[in-house]
Amino acid sequence: MNDVIVVGTDGSPGADAALTWAADDAARKGLRLELVHVIERGTYDLPRYPIPGLLETLGEAAEVMLEEKVRTVMAGWPDVQVTARVVTGSAVADLRVRAESAAELVVGRRGRGGFASALLGSVSLGVAGHVHGTVVVVREAAAERGRLVVGVDATDSCEPALAHAFAEASLRRAALRALYAYAVPVHAVSLDLDRLQRAQYEFLRDRLTPWRAKHPEVDVIEDITSVHPVAALTDASRDADLIVVGNRGHGGMASAVLGSVSHGVLHYAHCPVAVVRRHA
C-alpha cells in the first residue's frame, strides 16, 4: 500500500469536508496527504474563442487556494506531511490515475465547476468503483459514533470491502456492523421462511469467520434483512462513521458498472462511503 492519501479539492464546502476527513485519516494512519486541484481544460479551452492567459490565471488562483488549504492542514494536523499540486486536464482521468498508487482517494460528494454537476457529482461518480483501490466519498463532517458498516454479498467483490472494513474497525477501535440484505423469492409462499432466514445467517457467519479469526479484537454485529440493500445500507448510515461497499456484485447487491447498490449508497448515504475494488 502506498503511503499517501490523495484528496481532490476545489475549495468548495463539499471539498473542505473531504479534506477534513482525509486529514483525520492521514493522522490516524500515519500517512502523507496530497491535495490535488484539477483545472478542467475542456471547460475553458474554446479554440474559436480563446481567452489569452485564462488557464494561467486559473492556475494562479488555484495555487493560492491550495496554499490556504495546506496551512489549514498544518495548523490542525501538525504531524501530517502535506503537499499540493495543480493539474490541468480531466479531473476524473487524473484522479483515477492517482488513486491507483495511493492508499486511498478522498473526494467530496459534490463540489463546484469541474468537481460537480449531478446529484452525487460527476467526479465522485466518475472515480468511485472505477479504480483499483479505495475511493472515499465524503458527504459532510460529523461527530464520530464508533460504528462502521460493511455491505456483505455472495460475490468475490465483497472480499476487498470486508478486508478494508475489518482493518478500519480495528484501527478505529469501532464496532463493525456486517449487513447482508437478501431478496425473498417471488415464490416464497411455498418456502419455509424461517429455514430460509437461518440459511442466510449461516451464510453470513461463514463469510465472516475468516475475518473474525484475523481480527478477533473487532466487535462484529451480524445484521440480516430482506429489505432492499440500498435502503438497508442508507438507513444504517444514519449512525455510522463510514460505510464500506464493494465495487459491484450480483443479485441483491449490484448490477451496473459501478454496481447499483454502490451507486445508490453513494447518492443517499448519510455518512462517508468507501468503495473498495481489489488491486489488479
C-alpha atoms as a PDB file:
ATOM      1  CA  MET A   1       0.000   0.000   0.000  1.00  0.00           C
ATOM      2  CA  ASN A   2       1.274   3.455  -0.850  1.00  0.00           C
ATOM      3  CA  ASP A   3       1.917   5.893   1.963  1.00  0.00           C
ATOM      4  CA  VAL A   4      -0.192   8.778   0.646  1.00  0.00           C
ATOM      5  CA  ILE A   5      -3.849   9.754   0.763  1.00  0.00           C
ATOM      6  CA  VAL A   6      -4.880  11.841  -2.232  1.00  0.00           C
ATOM      7  CA  VAL A   7      -7.738  14.304  -1.787  1.00  0.00           C
ATOM      8  CA  GLY A   8      -9.375  16.148  -4.672  1.00  0.00           C
ATOM      9  CA  THR A   9     -10.262  19.714  -3.757  1.00  0.00           C
ATOM     10  CA  ASP A  10     -11.708  22.798  -5.400  1.00  0.00           C
ATOM     11  CA  GLY A  11     -12.230  24.935  -2.304  1.00  0.00           C
ATOM     12  CA  SER A  12     -15.968  24.235  -2.083  1.00  0.00           C
ATOM     13  CA  PRO A  13     -17.673  23.258   1.206  1.00  0.00           C
ATOM     14  CA  GLY A  14     -18.006  19.684  -0.039  1.00  0.00           C
ATOM     15  CA  ALA A  15     -14.313  19.509  -0.848  1.00  0.00           C
ATOM     16  CA  ASP A  16     -13.455  21.039   2.539  1.00  0.00           C
ATOM     17  CA  ALA A  17     -15.416  18.266   4.276  1.00  0.00           C
ATOM     18  CA  ALA A  18     -13.428  15.722   2.251  1.00  0.00           C
ATOM     19  CA  LEU A  19     -10.179  17.449   3.197  1.00  0.00           C
ATOM     20  CA  THR A  20     -11.033  17.353   6.905  1.00  0.00           C
ATOM     21  CA  TRP A  21     -11.923  13.660   6.676  1.00  0.00           C
ATOM     22  CA  ALA A  22      -8.749  12.864   4.729  1.00  0.00           C
ATOM     23  CA  ALA A  23      -6.527  14.790   7.168  1.00  0.00           C
ATOM     24  CA  ASP A  24      -8.051  12.914  10.111  1.00  0.00           C
ATOM     25  CA  ASP A  25      -7.458   9.617   8.318  1.00  0.00           C
ATOM     26  CA  ALA A  26      -3.891  10.524   7.387  1.00  0.00           C
ATOM     27  CA  ALA A  27      -3.150  11.387  11.028  1.00  0.00           C
ATOM     28  CA  ARG A  28      -4.764   8.147  12.206  1.00  0.00           C
ATOM     29  CA  LYS A  29      -2.781   6.013   9.761  1.00  0.00           C
ATOM     30  CA  GLY A  30       0.496   7.931   9.740  1.00  0.00           C
ATOM     31  CA  LEU A  31       0.256   8.662   6.005  1.00  0.00           C
ATOM     32  CA  ARG A  32       1.143  11.648   3.864  1.00  0.00           C
ATOM     33  CA  LEU A  33      -1.565  13.854   2.383  1.00  0.00           C
ATOM     34  CA  GLU A  34      -1.559  15.183  -1.176  1.00  0.00           C
ATOM     35  CA  LEU A  35      -4.050  17.860  -2.203  1.00  0.00           C
ATOM     36  CA  VAL A  36      -4.892  17.904  -5.906  1.00  0.00           C
ATOM     37  CA  HIS A  37      -6.832  20.545  -7.814  1.00  0.00           C
ATOM     38  CA  VAL A  38      -7.605  19.822 -11.461  1.00  0.00           C
ATOM     39  CA  ILE A  39      -8.395  22.656 -13.857  1.00  0.00           C
ATOM     40  CA  GLU A  40     -10.726  21.150 -16.421  1.00  0.00           C
ATOM     41  CA  ARG A  41      -9.155  22.102 -19.745  1.00  0.00           C
ATOM     42  CA  GLY A  42     -12.279  21.128 -21.665  1.00  0.00           C
ATOM     43  CA  THR A  43     -14.363  23.619 -19.684  1.00  0.00           C
ATOM     44  CA  TYR A  44     -12.238  26.626 -20.637  1.00  0.00           C
ATOM     45  CA  ASP A  45     -10.381  25.632 -23.806  1.00  0.00           C
ATOM     46  CA  LEU A  46     -12.518  27.083 -26.626  1.00  0.00           C
ATOM     47  CA  PRO A  47     -10.385  27.122 -29.809  1.00  0.00           C
ATOM     48  CA  ARG A  48     -12.668  29.511 -31.678  1.00  0.00           C
ATOM     49  CA  TYR A  49     -12.907  31.960 -28.762  1.00  0.00           C
ATOM     50  CA  PRO A  50      -9.642  31.729 -26.842  1.00  0.00           C
ATOM     51  CA  ILE A  51      -9.144  33.916 -23.786  1.00  0.00           C
ATOM     52  CA  PRO A  52      -5.436  34.791 -23.571  1.00  0.00           C
ATOM     53  CA  GLY A  53      -3.858  33.847 -20.260  1.00  0.00           C
ATOM     54  CA  LEU A  54      -7.042  32.293 -18.811  1.00  0.00           C
ATOM     55  CA  LEU A  55      -5.535  28.963 -17.818  1.00  0.00           C
ATOM     56  CA  GLU A  56      -2.553  30.722 -16.254  1.00  0.00           C
ATOM     57  CA  THR A  57      -4.879  32.969 -14.245  1.00  0.00           C
ATOM     58  CA  LEU A  58      -6.922  29.993 -13.103  1.00  0.00           C
ATOM     59  CA  GLY A  59      -3.736  28.209 -12.144  1.00  0.00           C
ATOM     60  CA  GLU A  60      -2.558  31.122 -10.023  1.00  0.00           C
ATOM     61  CA  ALA A  61      -5.915  31.279  -8.239  1.00  0.00           C
ATOM     62  CA  ALA A  62      -5.760  27.539  -7.618  1.00  0.00           C
ATOM     63  CA  GLU A  63      -2.251  27.838  -6.155  1.00  0.00           C
ATOM     64  CA  VAL A  64      -3.495  30.488  -3.716  1.00  0.00           C
ATOM     65  CA  MET A  65      -6.442  28.304  -2.725  1.00  0.00           C
ATOM     66  CA  LEU A  66      -4.230  25.272  -2.181  1.00  0.00           C
ATOM     67  CA  GLU A  67      -1.733  27.253  -0.108  1.00  0.00           C
ATOM     68  CA  GLU A  68      -4.592  28.187   2.195  1.00  0.00           C
ATOM     69  CA  LYS A  69      -5.694  24.542   2.470  1.00  0.00           C
ATOM     70  CA  VAL A  70      -2.130  23.430   3.209  1.00  0.00           C
ATOM     71  CA  ARG A  71      -1.927  25.974   6.040  1.00  0.00           C
ATOM     72  CA  THR A  72      -5.230  24.657   7.388  1.00  0.00           C
ATOM     73  CA  VAL A  73      -3.881  21.096   7.460  1.00  0.00           C
ATOM     74  CA  MET A  74      -0.595  22.146   9.046  1.00  0.00           C
ATOM     75  CA  ALA A  75      -2.451  24.032  11.777  1.00  0.00           C
ATOM     76  CA  GLY A  76      -4.997  21.330  12.537  1.00  0.00           C
ATOM     77  CA  TRP A  77      -2.877  18.226  11.945  1.00  0.00           C
ATOM     78  CA  PRO A  78       0.765  19.244  12.567  1.00  0.00           C
ATOM     79  CA  ASP A  79       2.052  15.664  12.356  1.00  0.00           C
ATOM     80  CA  VAL A  80       0.706  15.132   8.834  1.00  0.00           C
ATOM     81  CA  GLN A  81       3.090  15.789   5.955  1.00  0.00           C
ATOM     82  CA  VAL A  82       1.100  17.636   3.288  1.00  0.00           C
ATOM     83  CA  THR A  83       1.834  18.621  -0.307  1.00  0.00           C
ATOM     84  CA  ALA A  84      -0.313  20.168  -3.040  1.00  0.00           C
ATOM     85  CA  ARG A  85      -0.387  20.339  -6.804  1.00  0.00           C
ATOM     86  CA  VAL A  86      -2.406  21.951  -9.578  1.00  0.00           C
ATOM     87  CA  VAL A  87      -3.056  19.890 -12.707  1.00  0.00           C
ATOM     88  CA  THR A  88      -4.667  20.912 -15.989  1.00  0.00           C
ATOM     89  CA  GLY A  89      -6.637  18.222 -17.750  1.00  0.00           C
ATOM     90  CA  SER A  90      -9.548  15.991 -16.753  1.00  0.00           C
ATOM     91  CA  ALA A  91     -10.440  15.707 -13.068  1.00  0.00           C
ATOM     92  CA  VAL A  92     -11.860  12.196 -13.425  1.00  0.00           C
ATOM     93  CA  ALA A  93      -8.988  10.867 -15.537  1.00  0.00           C
ATOM     94  CA  ASP A  94      -6.259  12.433 -13.411  1.00  0.00           C
ATOM     95  CA  LEU A  95      -7.720  11.339 -10.083  1.00  0.00           C
ATOM     96  CA  ARG A  96      -8.259   7.816 -11.385  1.00  0.00           C
ATOM     97  CA  VAL A  97      -4.567   7.580 -12.219  1.00  0.00           C
ATOM     98  CA  ARG A  98      -3.507   8.946  -8.838  1.00  0.00           C
ATOM     99  CA  ALA A  99      -5.865   6.615  -6.989  1.00  0.00           C
ATOM    100  CA  GLU A 100      -4.154   3.561  -8.470  1.00  0.00           C
ATOM    101  CA  SER A 101      -0.970   4.208  -6.474  1.00  0.00           C
ATOM    102  CA  ALA A 102      -2.475   5.854  -3.379  1.00  0.00           C
ATOM    103  CA  ALA A 103      -3.602   4.299  -0.103  1.00  0.00           C
ATOM    104  CA  GLU A 104      -6.959   5.898  -0.872  1.00  0.00           C
ATOM    105  CA  LEU A 105      -8.534   8.712  -2.833  1.00  0.00           C
ATOM    106  CA  VAL A 106     -10.907  11.053  -0.984  1.00  0.00           C
ATOM    107  CA  VAL A 107     -13.383  13.355  -2.719  1.00  0.00           C
ATOM    108  CA  GLY A 108     -16.397  15.382  -1.671  1.00  0.00           C
ATOM    109  CA  ARG A 109     -19.863  14.239  -2.586  1.00  0.00           C
ATOM    110  CA  ARG A 110     -20.044  17.211  -4.890  1.00  0.00           C
ATOM    111  CA  GLY A 111     -18.226  20.491  -5.428  1.00  0.00           C
ATOM    112  CA  ARG A 112     -18.201  23.315  -7.923  1.00  0.00           C
ATOM    113  CA  GLY A 113     -17.054  23.623 -11.510  1.00  0.00           C
ATOM    114  CA  GLY A 114     -15.089  20.551 -12.549  1.00  0.00           C
ATOM    115  CA  PHE A 115     -15.841  18.873  -9.222  1.00  0.00           C
ATOM    116  CA  ALA A 116     -19.630  18.825  -9.540  1.00  0.00           C
ATOM    117  CA  SER A 117     -22.709  18.508 -11.677  1.00  0.00           C
ATOM    118  CA  ALA A 118     -25.185  15.757 -10.887  1.00  0.00           C
ATOM    119  CA  LEU A 119     -26.854  14.869  -7.587  1.00  0.00           C
ATOM    120  CA  LEU A 120     -23.756  12.987  -6.497  1.00  0.00           C
ATOM    121  CA  GLY A 121     -21.185  14.913  -8.503  1.00  0.00           C
ATOM    122  CA  SER A 122     -19.609  13.940 -11.786  1.00  0.00           C
ATOM    123  CA  VAL A 123     -16.135  13.467 -10.334  1.00  0.00           C
ATOM    124  CA  SER A 124     -17.268  11.419  -7.340  1.00  0.00           C
ATOM    125  CA  LEU A 125     -19.318   9.199  -9.617  1.00  0.00           C
ATOM    126  CA  GLY A 126     -16.511   9.039 -12.165  1.00  0.00           C
ATOM    127  CA  VAL A 127     -13.881   7.721  -9.765  1.00  0.00           C
ATOM    128  CA  ALA A 128     -15.768   5.609  -7.200  1.00  0.00           C
ATOM    129  CA  GLY A 129     -15.693   1.964  -8.202  1.00  0.00           C
ATOM    130  CA  HIS A 130     -13.732   2.664 -11.392  1.00  0.00           C
ATOM    131  CA  VAL A 131     -10.220   2.427  -9.955  1.00  0.00           C
ATOM    132  CA  HIS A 132      -8.321  -0.416  -8.326  1.00  0.00           C
ATOM    133  CA  GLY A 133      -8.140   0.579  -4.694  1.00  0.00           C
ATOM    134  CA  THR A 134     -10.235   2.585  -2.269  1.00  0.00           C
ATOM    135  CA  VAL A 135     -12.243   5.719  -3.019  1.00  0.00           C
ATOM    136  CA  VAL A 136     -13.933   7.525  -0.131  1.00  0.00           C
ATOM    137  CA  VAL A 137     -16.788   9.903  -0.939  1.00  0.00           C
ATOM    138  CA  VAL A 138     -17.473  12.316   1.924  1.00  0.00           C
ATOM    139  CA  ARG A 139     -20.855  13.925   2.314  1.00  0.00           C
ATOM    140  CA  GLU A 140     -20.274  16.117   5.363  1.00  0.00           C
ATOM    141  CA  ALA A 141     -18.302  16.213   8.583  1.00  0.00           C
ATOM    142  CA  ALA A 142     -19.994  14.662  11.634  1.00  0.00           C
ATOM    143  CA  ALA A 143     -19.164  13.574  15.164  1.00  0.00           C
ATOM    144  CA  GLU A 144     -17.720  10.057  15.359  1.00  0.00           C
ATOM    145  CA  ARG A 145     -20.104   7.390  16.649  1.00  0.00           C
ATOM    146  CA  GLY A 146     -17.744   4.434  16.944  1.00  0.00           C
ATOM    147  CA  ARG A 147     -19.512   2.231  14.393  1.00  0.00           C
ATOM    148  CA  LEU A 148     -18.713   1.183  10.841  1.00  0.00           C
ATOM    149  CA  VAL A 149     -20.944  -0.678   8.387  1.00  0.00           C
ATOM    150  CA  VAL A 150     -19.896  -3.091   5.646  1.00  0.00           C
ATOM    151  CA  GLY A 151     -22.211  -4.380   2.934  1.00  0.00           C
ATOM    152  CA  VAL A 152     -21.900  -8.152   2.507  1.00  0.00           C
ATOM    153  CA  ASP A 153     -22.942 -10.187  -0.528  1.00  0.00           C
ATOM    154  CA  ALA A 154     -22.121 -13.541  -2.103  1.00  0.00           C
ATOM    155  CA  THR A 155     -19.584 -12.286  -4.659  1.00  0.00           C
ATOM    156  CA  ASP A 156     -15.793 -12.039  -4.705  1.00  0.00           C
ATOM    157  CA  SER A 157     -16.046  -8.239  -4.930  1.00  0.00           C
ATOM    158  CA  CYS A 158     -17.153  -8.300  -1.298  1.00  0.00           C
ATOM    159  CA  GLU A 159     -13.792  -9.608  -0.038  1.00  0.00           C
ATOM    160  CA  PRO A 160     -11.799  -6.370  -0.528  1.00  0.00           C
ATOM    161  CA  ALA A 161     -14.615  -4.483   1.210  1.00  0.00           C
ATOM    162  CA  LEU A 162     -14.507  -6.885   4.163  1.00  0.00           C
ATOM    163  CA  ALA A 163     -10.720  -6.595   4.381  1.00  0.00           C
ATOM    164  CA  HIS A 164     -10.924  -2.812   4.395  1.00  0.00           C
ATOM    165  CA  ALA A 165     -13.815  -2.693   6.860  1.00  0.00           C
ATOM    166  CA  PHE A 166     -12.175  -5.002   9.407  1.00  0.00           C
ATOM    167  CA  ALA A 167      -8.865  -3.125   9.165  1.00  0.00           C
ATOM    168  CA  GLU A 168     -10.633   0.219   9.647  1.00  0.00           C
ATOM    169  CA  ALA A 169     -12.687  -1.071  12.580  1.00  0.00           C
ATOM    170  CA  SER A 170      -9.552  -2.434  14.243  1.00  0.00           C
ATOM    171  CA  LEU A 171      -7.648   0.816  13.752  1.00  0.00           C
ATOM    172  CA  ARG A 172     -10.527   2.963  14.998  1.00  0.00           C
ATOM    173  CA  ARG A 173     -11.490   0.551  17.806  1.00  0.00           C
ATOM    174  CA  ALA A 174     -15.008   0.715  16.414  1.00  0.00           C
ATOM    175  CA  ALA A 175     -17.802  -1.834  16.221  1.00  0.00           C
ATOM    176  CA  LEU A 176     -18.438  -3.277  12.760  1.00  0.00           C
ATOM    177  CA  ARG A 177     -21.972  -3.928  11.564  1.00  0.00           C
ATOM    178  CA  ALA A 178     -21.924  -6.551   8.805  1.00  0.00           C
ATOM    179  CA  LEU A 179     -25.116  -6.002   6.828  1.00  0.00           C
ATOM    180  CA  TYR A 180     -26.412  -8.669   4.475  1.00  0.00           C
ATOM    181  CA  ALA A 181     -29.604  -7.873   2.550  1.00  0.00           C
ATOM    182  CA  TYR A 182     -31.229 -10.681   0.607  1.00  0.00           C
ATOM    183  CA  ALA A 183     -34.256 -10.838  -1.635  1.00  0.00           C
ATOM    184  CA  VAL A 184     -37.132 -13.121  -0.712  1.00  0.00           C
ATOM    185  CA  PRO A 185     -38.030 -15.231  -3.801  1.00  0.00           C
ATOM    186  CA  VAL A 186     -41.314 -14.425  -5.507  1.00  0.00           C
ATOM    187  CA  HIS A 187     -42.493 -17.991  -4.804  1.00  0.00           C
ATOM    188  CA  ALA A 188     -41.892 -17.507  -1.073  1.00  0.00           C
ATOM    189  CA  VAL A 189     -45.382 -18.760  -0.234  1.00  0.00           C
ATOM    190  CA  SER A 190     -44.131 -22.290  -0.879  1.00  0.00           C
ATOM    191  CA  LEU A 191     -40.948 -21.888   1.197  1.00  0.00           C
ATOM    192  CA  ASP A 192     -40.162 -22.259   4.867  1.00  0.00           C
ATOM    193  CA  LEU A 193     -39.210 -18.623   5.567  1.00  0.00           C
ATOM    194  CA  ASP A 194     -37.686 -19.440   8.956  1.00  0.00           C
ATOM    195  CA  ARG A 195     -35.458 -22.017   7.315  1.00  0.00           C
ATOM    196  CA  LEU A 196     -34.542 -19.512   4.604  1.00  0.00           C
ATOM    197  CA  GLN A 197     -33.560 -16.924   7.202  1.00  0.00           C
ATOM    198  CA  ARG A 198     -31.470 -19.466   9.138  1.00  0.00           C
ATOM    199  CA  ALA A 199     -29.650 -20.298   5.916  1.00  0.00           C
ATOM    200  CA  GLN A 200     -28.895 -16.612   5.368  1.00  0.00           C
ATOM    201  CA  TYR A 201     -27.479 -16.294   8.897  1.00  0.00           C
ATOM    202  CA  GLU A 202     -25.324 -19.371   8.330  1.00  0.00           C
ATOM    203  CA  PHE A 203     -24.048 -17.884   5.085  1.00  0.00           C
ATOM    204  CA  LEU A 204     -23.174 -14.571   6.757  1.00  0.00           C
ATOM    205  CA  ARG A 205     -21.498 -16.308   9.691  1.00  0.00           C
ATOM    206  CA  ASP A 206     -19.417 -18.459   7.352  1.00  0.00           C
ATOM    207  CA  ARG A 207     -18.456 -15.409   5.269  1.00  0.00           C
ATOM    208  CA  LEU A 208     -17.281 -13.526   8.364  1.00  0.00           C
ATOM    209  CA  THR A 209     -15.460 -16.422  10.085  1.00  0.00           C
ATOM    210  CA  PRO A 210     -12.013 -15.947   8.475  1.00  0.00           C
ATOM    211  CA  TRP A 211     -12.125 -12.205   9.051  1.00  0.00           C
ATOM    212  CA  ARG A 212     -13.131 -12.627  12.678  1.00  0.00           C
ATOM    213  CA  ALA A 213     -10.210 -15.017  13.120  1.00  0.00           C
ATOM    214  CA  LYS A 214      -7.862 -12.443  11.622  1.00  0.00           C
ATOM    215  CA  HIS A 215      -9.302  -9.572  13.692  1.00  0.00           C
ATOM    216  CA  PRO A 216     -10.559 -11.039  16.978  1.00  0.00           C
ATOM    217  CA  GLU A 217     -10.380  -7.575  18.522  1.00  0.00           C
ATOM    218  CA  VAL A 218     -13.220  -6.282  16.344  1.00  0.00           C
ATOM    219  CA  ASP A 219     -16.729  -6.340  17.787  1.00  0.00           C
ATOM    220  CA  VAL A 220     -18.876  -7.636  14.903  1.00  0.00           C
ATOM    221  CA  ILE A 221     -22.633  -7.151  14.726  1.00  0.00           C
ATOM    222  CA  GLU A 222     -24.394  -9.502  12.304  1.00  0.00           C
ATOM    223  CA  ASP A 223     -27.372  -7.925  10.566  1.00  0.00           C
ATOM    224  CA  ILE A 224     -29.657  -9.832   8.195  1.00  0.00           C
ATOM    225  CA  THR A 225     -32.561  -8.140   6.429  1.00  0.00           C
ATOM    226  CA  SER A 226     -34.849  -8.771   3.483  1.00  0.00           C
ATOM    227  CA  VAL A 227     -35.095  -5.025   2.769  1.00  0.00           C
ATOM    228  CA  HIS A 228     -33.538  -3.756  -0.476  1.00  0.00           C
ATOM    229  CA  PRO A 229     -29.768  -3.324   0.074  1.00  0.00           C
ATOM    230  CA  VAL A 230     -29.727   0.385  -0.830  1.00  0.00           C
ATOM    231  CA  ALA A 231     -32.496   1.125   1.663  1.00  0.00           C
ATOM    232  CA  ALA A 232     -30.877  -1.038   4.341  1.00  0.00           C
ATOM    233  CA  LEU A 233     -27.417   0.487   3.951  1.00  0.00           C
ATOM    234  CA  THR A 234     -28.788   4.024   3.709  1.00  0.00           C
ATOM    235  CA  ASP A 235     -30.703   3.534   6.941  1.00  0.00           C
ATOM    236  CA  ALA A 236     -27.620   2.023   8.620  1.00  0.00           C
ATOM    237  CA  SER A 237     -25.568   5.047   7.563  1.00  0.00           C
ATOM    238  CA  ARG A 238     -27.534   7.333   9.894  1.00  0.00           C
ATOM    239  CA  ASP A 239     -25.482   6.298  12.927  1.00  0.00           C
ATOM    240  CA  ALA A 240     -22.249   5.154  11.228  1.00  0.00           C
ATOM    241  CA  ASP A 241     -18.866   6.808  10.747  1.00  0.00           C
ATOM    242  CA  LEU A 242     -18.233   5.020   7.451  1.00  0.00           C
ATOM    243  CA  ILE A 243     -19.984   2.581   5.115  1.00  0.00           C
ATOM    244  CA  VAL A 244     -17.786   0.192   3.143  1.00  0.00           C
ATOM    245  CA  VAL A 245     -19.039  -1.465  -0.048  1.00  0.00           C
ATOM    246  CA  GLY A 246     -17.506  -3.447  -2.881  1.00  0.00           C
ATOM    247  CA  ASN A 247     -17.488  -2.021  -6.374  1.00  0.00           C
ATOM    248  CA  ARG A 248     -20.074  -4.456  -7.719  1.00  0.00           C
ATOM    249  CA  GLY A 249     -21.797  -7.757  -7.060  1.00  0.00           C
ATOM    250  CA  HIS A 250     -24.686  -9.869  -8.232  1.00  0.00           C
ATOM    251  CA  GLY A 251     -28.315 -10.328  -7.314  1.00  0.00           C
ATOM    252  CA  GLY A 252     -29.355  -8.046  -4.474  1.00  0.00           C
ATOM    253  CA  MET A 253     -26.029  -6.286  -4.061  1.00  0.00           C
ATOM    254  CA  ALA A 254     -25.223  -4.912  -7.521  1.00  0.00           C
ATOM    255  CA  SER A 255     -25.625  -4.742 -11.294  1.00  0.00           C
ATOM    256  CA  ALA A 256     -24.229  -1.807 -13.267  1.00  0.00           C
ATOM    257  CA  VAL A 257     -20.587  -0.907 -13.973  1.00  0.00           C
ATOM    258  CA  LEU A 258     -20.211   0.685 -10.552  1.00  0.00           C
ATOM    259  CA  GLY A 259     -22.902  -1.543  -9.086  1.00  0.00           C
ATOM    260  CA  SER A 260     -26.469  -0.473  -8.489  1.00  0.00           C
ATOM    261  CA  VAL A 261     -26.131  -0.786  -4.711  1.00  0.00           C
ATOM    262  CA  SER A 262     -22.821   1.090  -4.517  1.00  0.00           C
ATOM    263  CA  HIS A 263     -24.284   3.722  -6.814  1.00  0.00           C
ATOM    264  CA  GLY A 264     -27.404   4.085  -4.683  1.00  0.00           C
ATOM    265  CA  VAL A 265     -25.498   4.214  -1.403  1.00  0.00           C
ATOM    266  CA  LEU A 266     -23.166   6.903  -2.756  1.00  0.00           C
ATOM    267  CA  HIS A 267     -26.187   9.035  -3.605  1.00  0.00           C
ATOM    268  CA  TYR A 268     -28.169   8.622  -0.394  1.00  0.00           C
ATOM    269  CA  ALA A 269     -25.856   7.655   2.486  1.00  0.00           C
ATOM    270  CA  HIS A 270     -25.725   9.992   5.475  1.00  0.00           C
ATOM    271  CA  CYS A 271     -22.044   9.328   6.175  1.00  0.00           C
ATOM    272  CA  PRO A 272     -18.842   8.872   4.148  1.00  0.00           C
ATOM    273  CA  VAL A 273     -18.797   5.860   1.819  1.00  0.00           C
ATOM    274  CA  ALA A 274     -15.710   3.818   0.914  1.00  0.00           C
ATOM    275  CA  VAL A 275     -15.936   1.940  -2.386  1.00  0.00           C
ATOM    276  CA  VAL A 276     -13.248  -0.729  -2.424  1.00  0.00           C
ATOM    277  CA  ARG A 277     -12.058  -2.552  -5.509  1.00  0.00           C
ATOM    278  CA  ARG A 278      -9.328  -5.153  -5.463  1.00  0.00           C
ATOM    279  CA  HIS A 279      -5.970  -4.020  -6.869  1.00  0.00           C
ATOM    280  CA  ALA A 280      -5.076  -5.627 -10.170  1.00  0.00           C
END
